[in-house]
C-alpha atoms as a PDB file:
ATOM      1  CA  GLN A   1      30.749   7.012  35.083  1.00  0.00           C
ATOM      2  CA  ARG A   2      33.442   7.204  31.866  1.00  0.00           C
ATOM      3  CA  ASP A   3      32.448   3.845  31.151  1.00  0.00           C
ATOM      4  CA  GLN A   4      28.845   4.814  31.151  1.00  0.00           C
ATOM      5  CA  PHE A   5      29.181   7.722  29.363  1.00  0.00           C
ATOM      6  CA  GLY A   6      30.749   5.900  26.628  1.00  0.00           C
ATOM      7  CA  SER A   7      27.999   2.926  26.481  1.00  0.00           C
ATOM      8  CA  VAL A   8      25.586   5.935  25.876  1.00  0.00           C
ATOM      9  CA  LEU A   9      27.153   7.453  23.019  1.00  0.00           C
ATOM     10  CA  ASP A  10      27.866   4.005  21.930  1.00  0.00           C
ATOM     11  CA  SER A  11      23.900   3.385  21.529  1.00  0.00           C
ATOM     12  CA  LEU A  12      23.654   6.909  19.990  1.00  0.00           C
ATOM     13  CA  GLY A  13      22.717   7.418  15.931  1.00  0.00           C
ATOM     14  CA  GLU A  14      25.185  10.614  15.946  1.00  0.00           C
ATOM     15  CA  GLY A  15      29.176   9.553  15.464  1.00  0.00           C
ATOM     16  CA  VAL A  16      31.019  11.344  18.217  1.00  0.00           C
ATOM     17  CA  PHE A  17      34.915  12.119  17.880  1.00  0.00           C
ATOM     18  CA  VAL A  18      36.678  13.916  21.069  1.00  0.00           C
ATOM     19  CA  THR A  19      40.254  15.246  20.221  1.00  0.00           C
ATOM     20  CA  ASP A  20      42.688  17.374  22.220  1.00  0.00           C
ATOM     21  CA  ASN A  21      43.620  20.548  20.915  1.00  0.00           C
ATOM     22  CA  ASN A  22      46.400  18.872  18.718  1.00  0.00           C
ATOM     23  CA  GLY A  23      43.477  17.172  16.764  1.00  0.00           C
ATOM     24  CA  LYS A  24      44.993  13.454  18.212  1.00  0.00           C
ATOM     25  CA  ILE A  25      41.381  11.814  18.761  1.00  0.00           C
ATOM     26  CA  THR A  26      40.928  10.330  22.141  1.00  0.00           C
ATOM     27  CA  TYR A  27      37.324   8.995  21.878  1.00  0.00           C
ATOM     28  CA  GLU A  28      35.344   7.599  19.198  1.00  0.00           C
ATOM     29  CA  ASN A  29      31.901   5.733  19.582  1.00  0.00           C
ATOM     30  CA  ASP A  30      30.626   2.979  17.297  1.00  0.00           C
ATOM     31  CA  SER A  31      28.305   5.237  15.161  1.00  0.00           C
ATOM     32  CA  ILE A  32      30.917   7.461  13.478  1.00  0.00           C
ATOM     33  CA  LEU A  33      33.172   4.715  12.796  1.00  0.00           C
ATOM     34  CA  THR A  34      29.946   3.145  10.648  1.00  0.00           C
ATOM     35  CA  ILE A  35      28.990   6.808   9.378  1.00  0.00           C
ATOM     36  CA  LEU A  36      32.185   7.270   7.998  1.00  0.00           C
ATOM     37  CA  GLN A  37      33.253   3.875   7.347  1.00  0.00           C
ATOM     38  CA  ILE A  38      36.582   3.749   9.151  1.00  0.00           C
ATOM     39  CA  SER A  39      38.416   1.315  11.295  1.00  0.00           C
ATOM     40  CA  SER A  40      39.585   2.474  14.711  1.00  0.00           C
ATOM     41  CA  SER A  41      41.073   5.984  14.929  1.00  0.00           C
ATOM     42  CA  VAL A  42      42.049   6.678  18.531  1.00  0.00           C
ATOM     43  CA  LYS A  43      45.491   7.966  18.645  1.00  0.00           C
ATOM     44  CA  LYS A  44      45.364   9.185  15.527  1.00  0.00           C
ATOM     45  CA  ASN A  45      45.089  12.779  14.378  1.00  0.00           C
ATOM     46  CA  ILE A  46      41.922  13.653  12.662  1.00  0.00           C
ATOM     47  CA  LYS A  47      44.118  15.227  10.000  1.00  0.00           C
ATOM     48  CA  ASP A  48      45.172  11.327   9.092  1.00  0.00           C
ATOM     49  CA  LEU A  49      41.931  10.357   8.070  1.00  0.00           C
ATOM     50  CA  ASN A  50      42.103  11.756   4.753  1.00  0.00           C
ATOM     51  CA  ILE A  51      38.829  13.163   4.763  1.00  0.00           C
ATOM     52  CA  LYS A  52      39.440  16.902   3.834  1.00  0.00           C
ATOM     53  CA  ALA A  53      36.139  17.833   5.484  1.00  0.00           C
ATOM     54  CA  LEU A  54      37.092  17.127   9.039  1.00  0.00           C
ATOM     55  CA  GLN A  55      40.368  18.819   8.767  1.00  0.00           C
ATOM     56  CA  ASN A  56      38.512  22.197   7.592  1.00  0.00           C
ATOM     57  CA  MET A  57      36.292  21.639  10.293  1.00  0.00           C
ATOM     58  CA  PHE A  58      38.909  21.577  12.925  1.00  0.00           C
ATOM     59  CA  GLU A  59      41.018  24.353  11.856  1.00  0.00           C
ATOM     60  CA  ASN A  60      37.961  26.639  12.171  1.00  0.00           C
ATOM     61  CA  VAL A  61      37.296  25.462  15.322  1.00  0.00           C
ATOM     62  CA  ASP A  62      40.408  26.094  16.081  1.00  0.00           C
ATOM     63  CA  LYS A  63      39.791  30.188  15.346  1.00  0.00           C
ATOM     64  CA  ASP A  64      35.872  30.512  16.274  1.00  0.00           C
ATOM     65  CA  GLY A  65      35.393  27.771  19.120  1.00  0.00           C
ATOM     66  CA  ARG A  66      32.506  26.229  16.806  1.00  0.00           C
ATOM     67  CA  PHE A  67      31.792  24.995  13.261  1.00  0.00           C
ATOM     68  CA  ASP A  68      29.026  23.339  11.486  1.00  0.00           C
ATOM     69  CA  TYR A  69      29.559  21.889   8.363  1.00  0.00           C
ATOM     70  CA  GLU A  70      27.494  20.071   5.236  1.00  0.00           C
ATOM     71  CA  PHE A  71      29.707  17.478   3.224  1.00  0.00           C
ATOM     72  CA  GLN A  72      29.988  13.968   1.421  1.00  0.00           C
ATOM     73  CA  ILE A  73      31.890  11.473   1.084  1.00  0.00           C
ATOM     74  CA  GLU A  74      32.223   8.657  -1.380  1.00  0.00           C
ATOM     75  CA  LEU A  75      31.786   4.866  -0.244  1.00  0.00           C
ATOM     76  CA  LYS A  76      33.738   1.775  -1.538  1.00  0.00           C
ATOM     77  CA  ASN A  77      30.855   0.933  -3.773  1.00  0.00           C
ATOM     78  CA  GLY A  78      30.825   4.565  -5.664  1.00  0.00           C
ATOM     79  CA  ASP A  79      27.332   5.582  -3.386  1.00  0.00           C
ATOM     80  CA  ILE A  80      27.792   9.322  -2.104  1.00  0.00           C
ATOM     81  CA  LYS A  81      26.840   9.560   1.668  1.00  0.00           C
ATOM     82  CA  TRP A  82      25.878  13.349   2.887  1.00  0.00           C
ATOM     83  CA  ILE A  83      27.106  14.297   6.536  1.00  0.00           C
ATOM     84  CA  LEU A  84      25.825  16.885   8.842  1.00  0.00           C
ATOM     85  CA  GLY A  85      29.130  17.916  11.219  1.00  0.00           C
ATOM     86  CA  SER A  86      29.215  19.895  14.187  1.00  0.00           C
ATOM     87  CA  MET A  87      32.296  20.417  16.083  1.00  0.00           C
ATOM     88  CA  ASN A  88      32.891  22.740  19.260  1.00  0.00           C
ATOM     89  CA  ARG A  89      35.867  23.436  21.389  1.00  0.00           C
ATOM     90  CA  ALA A  90      35.019  22.479  25.500  1.00  0.00           C
ATOM     91  CA  LYS A  91      36.019  25.733  27.707  1.00  0.00           C
ATOM     92  CA  THR A  92      36.717  23.523  30.608  1.00  0.00           C
ATOM     93  CA  THR A  93      38.715  20.868  28.987  1.00  0.00           C
ATOM     94  CA  ASN A  94      39.802  22.715  25.971  1.00  0.00           C
ATOM     95  CA  GLU A  95      39.036  19.364  23.877  1.00  0.00           C
ATOM     96  CA  TYR A  96      37.446  19.315  20.419  1.00  0.00           C
ATOM     97  CA  ILE A  97      33.993  17.411  20.362  1.00  0.00           C
ATOM     98  CA  LEU A  98      32.894  16.413  16.839  1.00  0.00           C
ATOM     99  CA  VAL A  99      29.273  15.058  16.400  1.00  0.00           C
ATOM    100  CA  VAL A 100      28.077  13.885  13.211  1.00  0.00           C
ATOM    101  CA  HIS A 101      24.514  12.972  11.386  1.00  0.00           C
ATOM    102  CA  ASP A 102      23.892  10.766   8.393  1.00  0.00           C
ATOM    103  CA  VAL A 103      21.670  13.371   6.327  1.00  0.00           C
ATOM    104  CA  THR A 104      21.506  10.976   2.923  1.00  0.00           C
ATOM    105  CA  GLN A 105      18.327   9.849   3.579  1.00  0.00           C
ATOM    106  CA  LEU A 106      16.993  13.411   4.585  1.00  0.00           C
ATOM    107  CA  ARG A 107      18.513  14.522   1.040  1.00  0.00           C
ATOM    108  CA  GLU A 108      16.647  12.080  -0.692  1.00  0.00           C
ATOM    109  CA  ASN A 109      13.519  12.681   0.503  1.00  0.00           C
ATOM    110  CA  ALA A 110      14.095  16.509  -0.056  1.00  0.00           C
ATOM    111  CA  SER A 111      15.024  15.578  -3.804  1.00  0.00           C
ATOM    112  CA  MET A 112      12.025  13.428  -4.064  1.00  0.00           C
ATOM    113  CA  ARG A 113       9.619  15.774  -2.843  1.00  0.00           C
ATOM    114  CA  ARG A 114      11.260  18.486  -5.105  1.00  0.00           C
ATOM    115  CA  ASP A 115      10.832  15.872  -7.907  1.00  0.00           C
ATOM    116  CA  PHE A 116       7.290  15.232  -6.713  1.00  0.00           C
ATOM    117  CA  ILE A 117       5.810  18.709  -7.151  1.00  0.00           C
ATOM    118  CA  SER A 118       7.919  19.323 -10.410  1.00  0.00           C
ATOM    119  CA  ASN A 119       6.088  16.164 -11.810  1.00  0.00           C
ATOM    120  CA  LEU A 120       3.094  16.966 -10.191  1.00  0.00           C
ATOM    121  CA  SER A 121       2.955  20.732 -11.849  1.00  0.00           C
ATOM    122  CA  HIS A 122       3.593  19.008 -15.355  1.00  0.00           C
ATOM    123  CA  GLU A 123       1.221  16.251 -15.158  1.00  0.00           C
ATOM    124  CA  LEU A 124      -1.581  19.153 -14.228  1.00  0.00           C
ATOM    125  CA  ARG A 125      -0.121  21.869 -16.896  1.00  0.00           C
ATOM    126  CA  THR A 126      -1.310  19.567 -19.918  1.00  0.00           C
ATOM    127  CA  PRO A 127      -5.076  19.023 -19.369  1.00  0.00           C
ATOM    128  CA  VAL A 128      -5.317  22.763 -17.972  1.00  0.00           C
ATOM    129  CA  SER A 129      -4.055  23.904 -20.645  1.00  0.00           C
ATOM    130  CA  VAL A 130      -6.352  21.911 -23.026  1.00  0.00           C
ATOM    131  CA  ILE A 131      -9.661  23.039 -21.013  1.00  0.00           C
ATOM    132  CA  PHE A 132      -8.382  26.836 -21.061  1.00  0.00           C
ATOM    133  CA  ALA A 133      -7.629  26.512 -24.623  1.00  0.00           C
ATOM    134  CA  ASN A 134     -11.178  24.559 -25.723  1.00  0.00           C
ATOM    135  CA  ALA A 135     -13.118  27.056 -23.232  1.00  0.00           C
ATOM    136  CA  GLU A 136     -11.295  29.993 -24.988  1.00  0.00           C
ATOM    137  CA  THR A 137     -12.308  28.940 -28.681  1.00  0.00           C
ATOM    138  CA  LEU A 138     -16.126  28.134 -27.468  1.00  0.00           C
ATOM    139  CA  LEU A 139     -16.085  31.863 -25.907  1.00  0.00           C
ATOM    140  CA  ASP A 140     -14.829  33.066 -29.303  1.00  0.00           C
ATOM    141  CA  GLY A 141     -17.743  31.672 -31.310  1.00  0.00           C
ATOM    142  CA  ALA A 142     -17.606  27.986 -31.356  1.00  0.00           C
ATOM    143  CA  ILE A 143     -20.283  27.267 -29.261  1.00  0.00           C
ATOM    144  CA  ASP A 144     -22.617  28.590 -31.903  1.00  0.00           C
ATOM    145  CA  ASN A 145     -21.733  25.783 -34.013  1.00  0.00           C
ATOM    146  CA  LYS A 146     -23.633  22.690 -32.189  1.00  0.00           C
ATOM    147  CA  LYS A 147     -21.082  20.127 -34.189  1.00  0.00           C
ATOM    148  CA  ASP A 148     -17.891  22.145 -32.901  1.00  0.00           C
ATOM    149  CA  ALA A 149     -19.547  22.745 -29.815  1.00  0.00           C
ATOM    150  CA  LYS A 150     -19.707  19.255 -28.852  1.00  0.00           C
ATOM    151  CA  VAL A 151     -15.933  18.596 -29.881  1.00  0.00           C
ATOM    152  CA  PHE A 152     -14.644  20.994 -27.822  1.00  0.00           C
ATOM    153  CA  SER A 153     -16.855  20.519 -24.611  1.00  0.00           C
ATOM    154  CA  LYS A 154     -15.795  16.880 -24.792  1.00  0.00           C
ATOM    155  CA  ALA A 155     -12.343  17.853 -25.050  1.00  0.00           C
ATOM    156  CA  ILE A 156     -12.649  19.665 -21.784  1.00  0.00           C
ATOM    157  CA  MET A 157     -14.655  16.776 -20.027  1.00  0.00           C
ATOM    158  CA  HIS A 158     -12.277  14.746 -20.927  1.00  0.00           C
ATOM    159  CA  ASN A 159      -9.285  16.689 -19.556  1.00  0.00           C
ATOM    160  CA  ALA A 160     -11.269  17.590 -16.137  1.00  0.00           C
ATOM    161  CA  GLU A 161     -11.633  13.605 -15.823  1.00  0.00           C
ATOM    162  CA  ARG A 162      -7.955  13.236 -15.855  1.00  0.00           C
ATOM    163  CA  ILE A 163      -7.662  16.154 -13.544  1.00  0.00           C
ATOM    164  CA  SER A 164     -10.158  14.404 -11.333  1.00  0.00           C
ATOM    165  CA  GLY A 165      -8.587  10.892 -11.549  1.00  0.00           C
ATOM    166  CA  LEU A 166      -5.154  12.624 -10.937  1.00  0.00           C
ATOM    167  CA  VAL A 167      -6.528  14.055  -7.667  1.00  0.00           C
ATOM    168  CA  SER A 168      -8.311  11.393  -6.343  1.00  0.00           C
ATOM    169  CA  ASP A 169      -4.676   9.020  -6.734  1.00  0.00           C
ATOM    170  CA  LEU A 170      -2.657  11.641  -5.111  1.00  0.00           C
ATOM    171  CA  ILE A 171      -5.515  11.546  -2.240  1.00  0.00           C
ATOM    172  CA  ASP A 172      -5.493   7.978  -1.793  1.00  0.00           C
ATOM    173  CA  LEU A 173      -1.420   7.839  -1.536  1.00  0.00           C
ATOM    174  CA  SER A 174      -1.605  10.831   1.022  1.00  0.00           C
ATOM    175  CA  ARG A 175      -4.303   8.549   2.855  1.00  0.00           C
ATOM    176  CA  ILE A 176      -2.043   5.894   3.064  1.00  0.00           C
ATOM    177  CA  ASP A 177       1.232   7.781   3.699  1.00  0.00           C
ATOM    178  CA  TYR A 178      -0.394   9.373   6.852  1.00  0.00           C
ATOM    179  CA  GLY A 179      -2.146   6.325   7.919  1.00  0.00           C
ATOM    180  CA  GLU A 180      -5.825   7.672   7.429  1.00  0.00           C
ATOM    181  CA  LEU A 181      -6.737   4.741   4.680  1.00  0.00           C
ATOM    182  CA  HIS A 182      -8.932   2.453   7.127  1.00  0.00           C
ATOM    183  CA  LEU A 183      -8.804  -1.165   5.899  1.00  0.00           C
ATOM    184  CA  ASP A 184     -11.641  -3.933   6.693  1.00  0.00           C
ATOM    185  CA  LEU A 185      -9.457  -6.650   7.035  1.00  0.00           C
ATOM    186  CA  LYS A 186     -11.564  -9.606   6.795  1.00  0.00           C
ATOM    187  CA  GLU A 187     -11.697 -13.143   4.830  1.00  0.00           C
ATOM    188  CA  LEU A 188     -11.767 -13.112   0.980  1.00  0.00           C
ATOM    189  CA  ASP A 189     -12.074 -14.828  -1.772  1.00  0.00           C
ATOM    190  CA  VAL A 190      -9.439 -13.876  -3.999  1.00  0.00           C
ATOM    191  CA  CYS A 191     -10.903 -15.580  -6.976  1.00  0.00           C
ATOM    192  CA  GLU A 192     -14.280 -13.924  -6.687  1.00  0.00           C
ATOM    193  CA  ILE A 193     -12.629 -10.567  -6.653  1.00  0.00           C
ATOM    194  CA  ILE A 194     -10.834 -11.511  -9.972  1.00  0.00           C
ATOM    195  CA  ASP A 195     -13.810 -12.483 -11.770  1.00  0.00           C
ATOM    196  CA  ILE A 196     -15.009  -9.190 -10.709  1.00  0.00           C
ATOM    197  CA  VAL A 197     -12.434  -7.083 -11.980  1.00  0.00           C
ATOM    198  CA  ASN A 198     -12.091  -9.238 -14.986  1.00  0.00           C
ATOM    199  CA  ARG A 199     -15.169  -8.549 -16.156  1.00  0.00           C
ATOM    200  CA  SER A 200     -15.136  -4.786 -15.549  1.00  0.00           C
ATOM    201  CA  HIS A 201     -12.588  -4.595 -17.767  1.00  0.00           C
ATOM    202  CA  TYR A 202     -14.276  -6.960 -20.921  1.00  0.00           C
ATOM    203  CA  THR A 203     -15.190  -3.880 -22.769  1.00  0.00           C
ATOM    204  CA  SER A 204     -12.119  -2.251 -22.320  1.00  0.00           C
ATOM    205  CA  ALA A 205     -10.004  -5.509 -23.785  1.00  0.00           C
ATOM    206  CA  LYS A 206     -12.279  -6.423 -26.147  1.00  0.00           C
ATOM    207  CA  ASN A 207     -11.823  -2.927 -28.059  1.00  0.00           C
ATOM    208  CA  LYS A 208      -8.546  -3.805 -28.299  1.00  0.00           C
ATOM    209  CA  SER A 209      -9.051  -7.306 -29.396  1.00  0.00           C
ATOM    210  CA  ILE A 210      -7.378  -8.613 -26.398  1.00  0.00           C
ATOM    211  CA  GLU A 211      -8.634 -11.386 -24.459  1.00  0.00           C
ATOM    212  CA  ILE A 212      -8.228 -11.604 -20.642  1.00  0.00           C
ATOM    213  CA  LYS A 213      -7.664 -15.402 -19.743  1.00  0.00           C
ATOM    214  CA  PHE A 214      -8.004 -16.211 -15.699  1.00  0.00           C
ATOM    215  CA  ASP A 215      -8.410 -20.042 -15.049  1.00  0.00           C
ATOM    216  CA  LYS A 216     -10.764 -20.499 -12.446  1.00  0.00           C
ATOM    217  CA  CYS A 217      -9.004 -22.605  -9.266  1.00  0.00           C
ATOM    218  CA  ASN A 218      -9.964 -23.403  -5.843  1.00  0.00           C
ATOM    219  CA  CYS A 219      -7.620 -20.483  -4.176  1.00  0.00           C
ATOM    220  CA  PRO A 220      -7.445 -20.767  -0.369  1.00  0.00           C
ATOM    221  CA  HIS A 221      -9.021 -17.321   1.280  1.00  0.00           C
ATOM    222  CA  VAL A 222      -6.950 -14.588   1.929  1.00  0.00           C
ATOM    223  CA  LEU A 223      -7.110 -11.643   4.858  1.00  0.00           C
ATOM    224  CA  GLY A 224      -7.552  -8.574   3.225  1.00  0.00           C
ATOM    225  CA  ASP A 225      -9.807  -5.365   2.205  1.00  0.00           C
ATOM    226  CA  LYS A 226     -11.564  -5.894  -0.606  1.00  0.00           C
ATOM    227  CA  ALA A 227     -11.705  -2.422  -1.969  1.00  0.00           C
ATOM    228  CA  ALA A 228      -8.009  -2.153  -1.748  1.00  0.00           C
ATOM    229  CA  ILE A 229      -7.698  -5.393  -3.702  1.00  0.00           C
ATOM    230  CA  GLU A 230      -9.958  -4.594  -6.736  1.00  0.00           C
ATOM    231  CA  ARG A 231      -8.130  -1.132  -6.774  1.00  0.00           C
ATOM    232  CA  ILE A 232      -4.387  -3.136  -7.170  1.00  0.00           C
ATOM    233  CA  LEU A 233      -5.938  -5.458  -9.523  1.00  0.00           C
ATOM    234  CA  THR A 234      -7.451  -2.899 -11.564  1.00  0.00           C
ATOM    235  CA  ASN A 235      -4.533  -0.721 -11.896  1.00  0.00           C
ATOM    236  CA  LEU A 236      -2.461  -3.578 -13.077  1.00  0.00           C
ATOM    237  CA  LEU A 237      -4.980  -4.968 -15.481  1.00  0.00           C
ATOM    238  CA  ASP A 238      -5.600  -0.973 -16.854  1.00  0.00           C
ATOM    239  CA  ASN A 239      -1.333  -1.588 -17.365  1.00  0.00           C
ATOM    240  CA  ALA A 240      -1.782  -4.442 -19.094  1.00  0.00           C
ATOM    241  CA  ILE A 241      -4.604  -4.065 -21.485  1.00  0.00           C
ATOM    242  CA  LYS A 242      -3.102  -0.116 -22.103  1.00  0.00           C
ATOM    243  CA  TYR A 243       0.596  -1.728 -23.256  1.00  0.00           C
ATOM    244  CA  THR A 244      -0.557  -4.826 -24.930  1.00  0.00           C
ATOM    245  CA  LYS A 245      -0.576  -4.539 -28.681  1.00  0.00           C
ATOM    246  CA  ALA A 246      -3.850  -4.490 -30.363  1.00  0.00           C
ATOM    247  CA  ASN A 247      -3.938  -7.061 -32.647  1.00  0.00           C
ATOM    248  CA  ASN A 248      -5.698 -10.761 -32.555  1.00  0.00           C
ATOM    249  CA  GLY A 249      -3.009 -12.408 -30.626  1.00  0.00           C
ATOM    250  CA  GLY A 250      -3.178  -9.943 -27.894  1.00  0.00           C
ATOM    251  CA  GLU A 251      -3.948 -11.509 -24.106  1.00  0.00           C
ATOM    252  CA  VAL A 252      -3.175 -10.608 -20.502  1.00  0.00           C
ATOM    253  CA  ASN A 253      -2.791 -13.750 -17.852  1.00  0.00           C
ATOM    254  CA  ILE A 254      -4.082 -13.679 -14.567  1.00  0.00           C
ATOM    255  CA  THR A 255      -2.560 -16.261 -12.865  1.00  0.00           C
ATOM    256  CA  THR A 256      -2.612 -17.302  -8.720  1.00  0.00           C
ATOM    257  CA  LYS A 257      -0.276 -19.468  -6.928  1.00  0.00           C
ATOM    258  CA  VAL A 258       0.466 -20.359  -3.117  1.00  0.00           C
ATOM    259  CA  ILE A 259       3.850 -19.620  -1.679  1.00  0.00           C
ATOM    260  CA  GLU A 260       4.059 -20.696   1.912  1.00  0.00           C
ATOM    261  CA  ASP A 261       0.951 -18.580   3.613  1.00  0.00           C
ATOM    262  CA  SER A 262       0.684 -15.948   1.278  1.00  0.00           C
ATOM    263  CA  ILE A 263      -0.997 -16.113  -2.164  1.00  0.00           C
ATOM    264  CA  GLU A 264       0.885 -14.563  -5.394  1.00  0.00           C
ATOM    265  CA  ILE A 265      -1.487 -13.160  -7.934  1.00  0.00           C
ATOM    266  CA  SER A 266       0.178 -12.602 -11.233  1.00  0.00           C
ATOM    267  CA  VAL A 267      -1.062 -10.262 -14.303  1.00  0.00           C
ATOM    268  CA  LYS A 268       0.841 -10.997 -17.520  1.00  0.00           C
ATOM    269  CA  ASP A 269       0.889  -9.345 -20.452  1.00  0.00           C
ATOM    270  CA  SER A 270       2.416  -9.282 -23.915  1.00  0.00           C
ATOM    271  CA  GLY A 271       3.352  -5.859 -24.566  1.00  0.00           C
ATOM    272  CA  THR A 272       7.440  -4.710 -24.644  1.00  0.00           C
ATOM    273  CA  GLY A 273       8.669  -5.473 -21.196  1.00  0.00           C
ATOM    274  CA  ILE A 274      10.163  -3.654 -18.630  1.00  0.00           C
ATOM    275  CA  SER A 275      14.426  -3.197 -18.921  1.00  0.00           C
ATOM    276  CA  ASP A 276      16.417  -3.903 -15.867  1.00  0.00           C
ATOM    277  CA  ALA A 277      17.039  -0.284 -15.769  1.00  0.00           C
ATOM    278  CA  ASP A 278      13.077   0.446 -15.108  1.00  0.00           C
ATOM    279  CA  LYS A 279      12.613  -2.316 -12.650  1.00  0.00           C
ATOM    280  CA  ASP A 280      13.679  -0.187  -9.505  1.00  0.00           C
ATOM    281  CA  PHE A 281      12.043   2.815 -10.274  1.00  0.00           C
ATOM    282  CA  ILE A 282       8.617   1.688 -11.967  1.00  0.00           C
ATOM    283  CA  PHE A 283       6.757   1.710  -8.484  1.00  0.00           C
ATOM    284  CA  ASN A 284       7.806   5.021  -7.694  1.00  0.00           C
ATOM    285  CA  ARG A 285       5.308   8.238  -8.007  1.00  0.00           C
ATOM    286  CA  PHE A 286       5.090   9.751 -11.342  1.00  0.00           C
ATOM    287  CA  TYR A 287       7.709   7.304 -13.448  1.00  0.00           C
ATOM    288  CA  ARG A 288       6.991   6.534 -16.442  1.00  0.00           C
ATOM    289  CA  THR A 289       9.259   4.301 -18.428  1.00  0.00           C
ATOM    290  CA  PRO A 290      11.153   5.777 -21.790  1.00  0.00           C
ATOM    291  CA  GLU A 291       8.452   3.347 -23.977  1.00  0.00           C
ATOM    292  CA  ALA A 292       5.696   4.860 -21.971  1.00  0.00           C
ATOM    293  CA  ARG A 293       6.495   8.269 -22.634  1.00  0.00           C
ATOM    294  CA  ALA A 294       7.103   8.032 -25.819  1.00  0.00           C
ATOM    295  CA  SER A 295       4.140   6.063 -26.652  1.00  0.00           C
ATOM    296  CA  GLN A 296       2.061   8.983 -25.330  1.00  0.00           C
ATOM    297  CA  LYS A 297      -0.476   7.198 -24.018  1.00  0.00           C
ATOM    298  CA  SER A 298      -2.526   8.692 -21.170  1.00  0.00           C
ATOM    299  CA  GLY A 299      -1.404   8.109 -17.246  1.00  0.00           C
ATOM    300  CA  SER A 300      -0.143   9.846 -14.393  1.00  0.00           C
ATOM    301  CA  GLY A 301       2.148   7.316 -13.205  1.00  0.00           C
ATOM    302  CA  LEU A 302       0.659   7.034  -9.885  1.00  0.00           C
ATOM    303  CA  GLY A 303      -1.442   3.673 -10.584  1.00  0.00           C
ATOM    304  CA  LEU A 304       1.863   1.477  -9.881  1.00  0.00           C
ATOM    305  CA  ALA A 305       2.779   3.365  -6.815  1.00  0.00           C
ATOM    306  CA  ILE A 306      -0.818   2.985  -5.184  1.00  0.00           C
ATOM    307  CA  VAL A 307      -0.362  -0.724  -6.127  1.00  0.00           C
ATOM    308  CA  LYS A 308       2.950  -0.644  -4.216  1.00  0.00           C
ATOM    309  CA  ASN A 309       1.531   1.103  -0.930  1.00  0.00           C
ATOM    310  CA  LEU A 310      -1.862  -0.623  -0.847  1.00  0.00           C
ATOM    311  CA  THR A 311       0.035  -4.479  -1.066  1.00  0.00           C
ATOM    312  CA  ILE A 312       2.365  -3.052   1.633  1.00  0.00           C
ATOM    313  CA  SER A 313      -0.514  -1.982   3.835  1.00  0.00           C
ATOM    314  CA  LEU A 314      -2.458  -5.167   3.359  1.00  0.00           C
ATOM    315  CA  GLY A 315       0.521  -7.002   4.370  1.00  0.00           C
ATOM    316  CA  GLY A 316       1.937  -8.493   1.280  1.00  0.00           C
ATOM    317  CA  LYS A 317       5.121  -8.184  -1.292  1.00  0.00           C
ATOM    318  CA  TYR A 318       4.874  -6.702  -4.865  1.00  0.00           C
ATOM    319  CA  GLY A 319       7.011  -6.909  -7.951  1.00  0.00           C
ATOM    320  CA  VAL A 320       8.002  -7.297 -11.560  1.00  0.00           C
ATOM    321  CA  ARG A 321       9.448  -9.553 -13.757  1.00  0.00           C
ATOM    322  CA  ASN A 322       9.654 -10.109 -17.639  1.00  0.00           C
ATOM    323  CA  ARG A 323       8.004 -13.117 -19.415  1.00  0.00           C
ATOM    324  CA  ASN A 324       9.881 -16.136 -19.974  1.00  0.00           C
ATOM    325  CA  LYS A 325      10.100 -16.916 -23.798  1.00  0.00           C
ATOM    326  CA  LYS A 326       7.604 -14.166 -24.501  1.00  0.00           C
ATOM    327  CA  ASN A 327       7.450 -10.614 -24.831  1.00  0.00           C
ATOM    328  CA  GLY A 328       5.814  -8.770 -21.999  1.00  0.00           C
ATOM    329  CA  SER A 329       5.960  -8.013 -18.256  1.00  0.00           C
ATOM    330  CA  VAL A 330       4.489  -9.899 -15.529  1.00  0.00           C
ATOM    331  CA  PHE A 331       3.727  -7.598 -12.730  1.00  0.00           C
ATOM    332  CA  TRP A 332       2.876  -9.349  -9.178  1.00  0.00           C
ATOM    333  CA  PHE A 333       1.268  -9.019  -5.791  1.00  0.00           C
ATOM    334  CA  SER A 334       0.671 -11.162  -2.992  1.00  0.00           C
ATOM    335  CA  LEU A 335      -1.174 -11.301  -0.022  1.00  0.00           C
ATOM    336  CA  PRO A 336      -1.410 -13.231   3.187  1.00  0.00           C
ATOM    337  CA  LEU A 337      -3.566 -16.468   3.549  1.00  0.00           C
ATOM    338  CA  TYR A 338      -6.753 -16.176   5.951  1.00  0.00           C
ATOM    339  CA  SER A 339      -5.862 -18.510   9.105  1.00  0.00           C
ATOM    340  CA  LYS A 340      -8.583 -19.029  11.697  1.00  0.00           C
END
């Protein structure tokens, strides 16, 4: 029965220590060794593990019979792990039982939620302030001047569109996160979709004297959702045009490449590129590189997060790299090939 009980404890995600009333460890499960990143500790004293928090818990349990404590430990690679520990004294055997949970992910999720709310508030504050200021100016008399009224009304409309776009992106991300986005997966000609998106960006590219190049090829068909693929390509092309410098030599290249059972679609711009430090965060919600923030180009920082989530939902992969021998970035995503 003891062996059976030990097997159950070993399969738990929670770590368990049992000690006598002097702190000598009499039982450990595999999880606690993994969580605390220590070697076997049976027959050692809990005070000898060089984890001050555990010693503190033991001393408090000795007084009060139970003690809960959240603490952090530094891993060998320098990362920080957050641990929630609960220790109590068994009334029948007088043994001390310690249960620990790794709550690092929960801490990170809580931090991400705080950042998300903070970033969302910031993104909404600017257009709302502009709308308020322009509406106030119109009410103060500018509405009687047709020229001024038109200028202020355009500013109100532009910022209302920004808010509308932001809300739409947030709704889409929420639907993806909660599995409420229903994808119509079927056989699709990906080159045809690229052509459609390419043509829809002709005017915006021409206004910046940027040429979008796509060498049509006999692409194999993919299994995907047309609207989702169009959304991914639209977001990538929007960014490529936005961050490519406006000059006669500016260009955006779209390429496709078959890799085993998938096709990789790349959008190459001729902008400033993405630093190695930013590559790990560029697909996070609201994240914008220092260069993007400094340029004051409009954008919510949600476009690439949508690319990431939609690509994963379609069973593909995504990423970014810098162009070889040229300035600029290559944003890519892959889709599974269609097989009968």
